[in-house]
Amino acid sequence: METVGRLFVLLVVAQILLSGCSESDTGTSPTNSCRLVEVTELDVQPATSFRASPYYPLQAMRDTISGSATIAIWVGPDSLVCETEVVEWVGCECFGSASELAARQSRYTAGQKDGVPVVSRIDLEFVFEIVEGAN
């Protein structure tokens, strides 16, 4: 159990270190320093250059729960994550936090408007599936 506690602390610290812009009061939309440019205004859409795999939450693994989570990611002009938000989860609420951490560990290229990198939003779905017979 001590290992699980250390892992949790490590994940929390990693999430704090990987966060870009400061959190908003509600945690549901980008802060003022992360003003979103609408997708219809972009010349170049933001993209994922490296997609991290989320850890499978212990609670869901023990209960053999499968599901998914969709995460909204605001990517800054510097291609760093400004903010994330769980848009939807299926199966277990814990998939949302695991997916948010993976979204922050992933790497992106910024969207562009008039050839200039801007803050833009990309949505990613993370799927959690129990594979029978796997250890």
C-alpha atoms as a PDB file:
ATOM      1  CA  MET A   1       0.000   0.000   0.000  1.00  0.00           C
ATOM      2  CA  GLU A   2       2.949   2.329   0.628  1.00  0.00           C
ATOM      3  CA  THR A   3       3.913   2.038  -3.061  1.00  0.00           C
ATOM      4  CA  VAL A   4       0.409   3.095  -4.115  1.00  0.00           C
ATOM      5  CA  GLY A   5       0.659   6.159  -1.862  1.00  0.00           C
ATOM      6  CA  ARG A   6       4.011   7.137  -3.348  1.00  0.00           C
ATOM      7  CA  LEU A   7       2.642   6.660  -6.867  1.00  0.00           C
ATOM      8  CA  PHE A   8      -0.331   8.909  -6.082  1.00  0.00           C
ATOM      9  CA  VAL A   9       1.957  11.653  -4.743  1.00  0.00           C
ATOM     10  CA  LEU A  10       4.190  11.329  -7.818  1.00  0.00           C
ATOM     11  CA  LEU A  11       1.174  11.653 -10.129  1.00  0.00           C
ATOM     12  CA  VAL A  12      -0.099  14.741  -8.306  1.00  0.00           C
ATOM     13  CA  VAL A  13       3.337  16.377  -8.467  1.00  0.00           C
ATOM     14  CA  ALA A  14       3.635  15.500 -12.167  1.00  0.00           C
ATOM     15  CA  GLN A  15       0.255  17.045 -12.895  1.00  0.00           C
ATOM     16  CA  ILE A  16       1.222  20.249 -11.091  1.00  0.00           C
ATOM     17  CA  LEU A  17       4.547  20.474 -12.926  1.00  0.00           C
ATOM     18  CA  LEU A  18       2.976  19.781 -16.308  1.00  0.00           C
ATOM     19  CA  SER A  19       0.232  22.375 -16.006  1.00  0.00           C
ATOM     20  CA  GLY A  20       0.731  25.404 -18.217  1.00  0.00           C
ATOM     21  CA  CYS A  21      -1.501  28.410 -17.483  1.00  0.00           C
ATOM     22  CA  SER A  22      -2.992  28.981 -14.074  1.00  0.00           C
ATOM     23  CA  GLU A  23      -6.277  27.292 -13.216  1.00  0.00           C
ATOM     24  CA  SER A  24      -9.480  29.311 -13.504  1.00  0.00           C
ATOM     25  CA  ASP A  25     -11.833  29.673 -10.541  1.00  0.00           C
ATOM     26  CA  THR A  26     -14.316  27.211 -12.015  1.00  0.00           C
ATOM     27  CA  GLY A  27     -11.813  24.913 -13.717  1.00  0.00           C
ATOM     28  CA  THR A  28     -14.160  24.618 -16.693  1.00  0.00           C
ATOM     29  CA  SER A  29     -12.763  27.066 -19.247  1.00  0.00           C
ATOM     30  CA  PRO A  30      -9.453  28.650 -20.157  1.00  0.00           C
ATOM     31  CA  THR A  31      -8.178  31.523 -18.056  1.00  0.00           C
ATOM     32  CA  ASN A  32      -7.629  35.044 -19.398  1.00  0.00           C
ATOM     33  CA  SER A  33      -4.038  34.170 -20.318  1.00  0.00           C
ATOM     34  CA  CYS A  34      -5.398  31.299 -22.417  1.00  0.00           C
ATOM     35  CA  ARG A  35      -7.899  33.064 -24.685  1.00  0.00           C
ATOM     36  CA  LEU A  36      -9.305  30.552 -27.117  1.00  0.00           C
ATOM     37  CA  VAL A  37      -9.435  31.199 -30.864  1.00  0.00           C
ATOM     38  CA  GLU A  38     -12.511  29.522 -32.357  1.00  0.00           C
ATOM     39  CA  VAL A  39     -11.800  26.484 -34.513  1.00  0.00           C
ATOM     40  CA  THR A  40     -13.511  28.103 -37.522  1.00  0.00           C
ATOM     41  CA  GLU A  41     -10.983  30.972 -37.394  1.00  0.00           C
ATOM     42  CA  LEU A  42      -7.908  28.714 -37.514  1.00  0.00           C
ATOM     43  CA  ASP A  43      -5.765  28.251 -40.627  1.00  0.00           C
ATOM     44  CA  VAL A  44      -3.987  25.275 -39.025  1.00  0.00           C
ATOM     45  CA  GLN A  45      -5.696  23.012 -36.477  1.00  0.00           C
ATOM     46  CA  PRO A  46      -3.871  21.983 -33.284  1.00  0.00           C
ATOM     47  CA  ALA A  47      -2.546  18.431 -33.414  1.00  0.00           C
ATOM     48  CA  THR A  48      -1.123  15.754 -31.153  1.00  0.00           C
ATOM     49  CA  SER A  49       2.587  15.085 -31.757  1.00  0.00           C
ATOM     50  CA  PHE A  50       2.920  12.539 -28.910  1.00  0.00           C
ATOM     51  CA  ARG A  51       0.028  10.862 -27.147  1.00  0.00           C
ATOM     52  CA  ALA A  52       0.706   9.516 -23.652  1.00  0.00           C
ATOM     53  CA  SER A  53      -1.125   6.419 -22.476  1.00  0.00           C
ATOM     54  CA  PRO A  54      -3.174   6.890 -19.309  1.00  0.00           C
ATOM     55  CA  TYR A  55      -2.643   4.653 -16.299  1.00  0.00           C
ATOM     56  CA  TYR A  56      -5.541   2.279 -15.606  1.00  0.00           C
ATOM     57  CA  PRO A  57      -7.110   3.416 -12.309  1.00  0.00           C
ATOM     58  CA  LEU A  58      -6.710   0.762  -9.627  1.00  0.00           C
ATOM     59  CA  GLN A  59     -10.360   1.051  -8.545  1.00  0.00           C
ATOM     60  CA  ALA A  60     -11.603   0.369 -12.090  1.00  0.00           C
ATOM     61  CA  MET A  61      -9.102  -2.442 -12.616  1.00  0.00           C
ATOM     62  CA  ARG A  62     -10.157  -4.179  -9.384  1.00  0.00           C
ATOM     63  CA  ASP A  63     -13.828  -3.895 -10.368  1.00  0.00           C
ATOM     64  CA  THR A  64     -13.062  -4.853 -14.017  1.00  0.00           C
ATOM     65  CA  ILE A  65     -14.684  -1.673 -15.325  1.00  0.00           C
ATOM     66  CA  SER A  66     -14.073  -0.608 -18.912  1.00  0.00           C
ATOM     67  CA  GLY A  67     -14.965   2.777 -20.353  1.00  0.00           C
ATOM     68  CA  SER A  68     -13.597   6.001 -21.748  1.00  0.00           C
ATOM     69  CA  ALA A  69     -13.111   9.702 -21.122  1.00  0.00           C
ATOM     70  CA  THR A  70     -13.079  12.659 -23.483  1.00  0.00           C
ATOM     71  CA  ILE A  71     -10.788  15.516 -22.521  1.00  0.00           C
ATOM     72  CA  ALA A  72     -10.779  19.075 -23.870  1.00  0.00           C
ATOM     73  CA  ILE A  73      -7.225  20.416 -24.065  1.00  0.00           C
ATOM     74  CA  TRP A  74      -6.401  24.077 -24.555  1.00  0.00           C
ATOM     75  CA  VAL A  75      -3.048  24.269 -26.337  1.00  0.00           C
ATOM     76  CA  GLY A  76      -1.136  27.546 -26.041  1.00  0.00           C
ATOM     77  CA  PRO A  77       0.845  29.314 -28.768  1.00  0.00           C
ATOM     78  CA  ASP A  78       3.977  27.748 -27.263  1.00  0.00           C
ATOM     79  CA  SER A  79       2.383  24.288 -27.877  1.00  0.00           C
ATOM     80  CA  LEU A  80       2.103  23.708 -24.110  1.00  0.00           C
ATOM     81  CA  VAL A  81      -1.125  22.717 -22.381  1.00  0.00           C
ATOM     82  CA  CYS A  82      -2.885  25.727 -20.857  1.00  0.00           C
ATOM     83  CA  GLU A  83      -5.755  23.814 -19.327  1.00  0.00           C
ATOM     84  CA  THR A  84      -7.733  20.590 -19.500  1.00  0.00           C
ATOM     85  CA  GLU A  85     -11.331  19.679 -18.759  1.00  0.00           C
ATOM     86  CA  VAL A  86     -13.163  16.364 -18.587  1.00  0.00           C
ATOM     87  CA  VAL A  87     -15.908  16.688 -21.203  1.00  0.00           C
ATOM     88  CA  GLU A  88     -17.397  13.229 -20.675  1.00  0.00           C
ATOM     89  CA  TRP A  89     -16.588   9.924 -18.999  1.00  0.00           C
ATOM     90  CA  VAL A  90     -18.163   6.493 -19.368  1.00  0.00           C
ATOM     91  CA  GLY A  91     -17.774   3.569 -16.968  1.00  0.00           C
ATOM     92  CA  CYS A  92     -15.961   5.162 -14.033  1.00  0.00           C
ATOM     93  CA  GLU A  93     -15.439   8.787 -13.036  1.00  0.00           C
ATOM     94  CA  CYS A  94     -11.808   7.928 -12.246  1.00  0.00           C
ATOM     95  CA  PHE A  95     -11.177   7.580 -16.003  1.00  0.00           C
ATOM     96  CA  GLY A  96     -11.528  11.363 -16.238  1.00  0.00           C
ATOM     97  CA  SER A  97      -8.633  12.205 -13.916  1.00  0.00           C
ATOM     98  CA  ALA A  98      -6.405   9.489 -15.411  1.00  0.00           C
ATOM     99  CA  SER A  99      -7.149  10.835 -18.890  1.00  0.00           C
ATOM    100  CA  GLU A 100      -6.498  14.452 -17.855  1.00  0.00           C
ATOM    101  CA  LEU A 101      -3.067  13.466 -16.569  1.00  0.00           C
ATOM    102  CA  ALA A 102      -2.286  11.631 -19.841  1.00  0.00           C
ATOM    103  CA  ALA A 103      -3.525  14.653 -21.817  1.00  0.00           C
ATOM    104  CA  ARG A 104      -1.121  16.902 -19.893  1.00  0.00           C
ATOM    105  CA  GLN A 105       1.745  14.456 -20.507  1.00  0.00           C
ATOM    106  CA  SER A 106       1.026  14.367 -24.244  1.00  0.00           C
ATOM    107  CA  ARG A 107       2.646  16.824 -26.665  1.00  0.00           C
ATOM    108  CA  TYR A 108       0.930  19.079 -29.195  1.00  0.00           C
ATOM    109  CA  THR A 109       1.494  21.547 -31.999  1.00  0.00           C
ATOM    110  CA  ALA A 110      -0.380  24.821 -31.642  1.00  0.00           C
ATOM    111  CA  GLY A 111      -3.173  25.904 -33.928  1.00  0.00           C
ATOM    112  CA  GLN A 112      -2.468  28.907 -36.145  1.00  0.00           C
ATOM    113  CA  LYS A 113      -4.425  31.934 -37.278  1.00  0.00           C
ATOM    114  CA  ASP A 114      -2.948  34.064 -40.070  1.00  0.00           C
ATOM    115  CA  GLY A 115       0.288  32.066 -39.726  1.00  0.00           C
ATOM    116  CA  VAL A 116       0.661  32.907 -36.019  1.00  0.00           C
ATOM    117  CA  PRO A 117       0.389  30.253 -33.271  1.00  0.00           C
ATOM    118  CA  VAL A 118      -2.633  30.874 -31.019  1.00  0.00           C
ATOM    119  CA  VAL A 119      -4.477  29.206 -28.152  1.00  0.00           C
ATOM    120  CA  SER A 120      -6.770  26.526 -29.551  1.00  0.00           C
ATOM    121  CA  ARG A 121      -8.739  23.545 -28.320  1.00  0.00           C
ATOM    122  CA  ILE A 122      -8.350  19.885 -29.192  1.00  0.00           C
ATOM    123  CA  ASP A 123     -10.501  17.051 -27.806  1.00  0.00           C
ATOM    124  CA  LEU A 124      -9.053  13.580 -27.202  1.00  0.00           C
ATOM    125  CA  GLU A 125     -10.818  10.383 -26.214  1.00  0.00           C
ATOM    126  CA  PHE A 126      -8.997   7.880 -24.008  1.00  0.00           C
ATOM    127  CA  VAL A 127     -10.344   4.315 -23.953  1.00  0.00           C
ATOM    128  CA  PHE A 128      -9.954   1.957 -20.984  1.00  0.00           C
ATOM    129  CA  GLU A 129     -10.522  -1.696 -21.729  1.00  0.00           C
ATOM    130  CA  ILE A 130      -9.964  -4.804 -19.613  1.00  0.00           C
ATOM    131  CA  VAL A 131      -8.374  -7.523 -21.736  1.00  0.00           C
ATOM    132  CA  GLU A 132      -9.347 -11.024 -20.648  1.00  0.00           C
ATOM    133  CA  GLY A 133      -6.389 -13.226 -19.712  1.00  0.00           C
ATOM    134  CA  ALA A 134      -3.939 -10.314 -19.470  1.00  0.00           C
ATOM    135  CA  ASN A 135      -1.894  -9.994 -16.275  1.00  0.00           C
END
